């Protein structure tokens, strides 16, 4: 395992001062999987004050001093250094009441969550792997260190971490660990909304999220209760060849792996059980389910402390995910005026993911949605007018044509609609002429109505 020179020097300086030191956790796991680690955590027998003394010429921040963690800014990088420790009891189901510092790396590894994260490395001594983490990486298995029930009772967030690792790495969860996750799932209420949302987003963007959602439906329903109503819910529609929860899992997996779209597909049909009706032919219909799903998404994302920008984007995708797919220029220009290119692309990508999770005969619509994205990008590249700000005239230009009144806004809106639909060119003279026509037409209508009275 090759280390960045800064990390190697940190280990050398700690060892030169008489302490043992290792890189630990995710960086070791990633290296053993043949991937380049994104960051490196260091664990050492040195106490925080000893670390501060050893690196006296560098900035050391006491980020988690209570638990033996400091952050060292060293030659252009930032890395956490944590003292070997043994955790006390976890009375709140999230954090140890106390920690005891140790001089033995094995004590520190024994408190960690999964065997794949319980491996340490030092260039001189090699791997320290007392729990078989390297073998589990080769076997692609997620297994708790020690008793799974105890590990999850200590910290319920580990349940979602197991879900996330299974999704992101494509590893299976070992049977005893999986059973303990399910038995302790109600403890997830002890975890803050922010931490739940962080793990959920990362899990949803994993390459194996479809399988993981189908393996752990009750865990997803624990953090998002409306998903529980989808489990085993028959859709009664020729367009669907699976129950609602399976359709949702497949749609999530089919969406591009980025948070907004994966979240949107998680929520896109959540309102269906609330909107069900049965037609004379026995087919089930779900009129208004997109709007109802968007409302549920908004409430749940607020509960999860999602930031406003992401919440707005997700809810917009959900609300419009089932608008018609149409490749006519006029239709696409209207949608671009309403949603913008990025928003329209999101909605069409949701369409594609949705259709990927439906019955086989629906799949040809996928190519039509892809063509609509390509055409939208072509139209947008020509920098057309889609907003009042882009219109070649303003209220000031219309003052001599339109009398001061709310009518001004109506005329501008009408001009914009005609430009969007390519009925009128976005040129000042053409728009002024059309404005005069609109006013003349209105005056004739008003006069006719007055005479009829």
Foldseek 3Di string as FASTA:
>chain_A
DDDDPQVLVLQVLQVVVPKHKWWFFPCVLQVLVVHHDPATEMEIQDAPVRSCVSPVVWDWAPPPNQQRWIWTCTPHDIYIYGAQWAFAAQPLQAHGPHIGGDRDLQNNLLLDFWQLRSWIQDPVPGIDRPQCNSVCSVVLETETRDQLLRSCSNHVLVLLVVLLCCQAVVGYYDDRNLVSNVVCLLSCVSPALQSVVVSVLSNLLGLRQLVSCVSCVVSVCSLVVLSVVQVVACQQAQFADDTRNNLLSQLSNQFHRHRLLSLLSNQQQSQQVVQWDADPVRGIDRPPRLVVSLVSLLVSCVRSVPDPVSNVLSSLLSNQLPDDQDQDQLVLLLVCLVQNLVSLLSSLSSVQSSSSSTDPVSNVVNVSSVNSNVVSVVVVVVVFDRDLVPALDDLVLCPVQDPPDCVSVVLSVVLNSCRSSVVFPSHDVRSNVVSNVVVVVVVVVVVVVVVVD
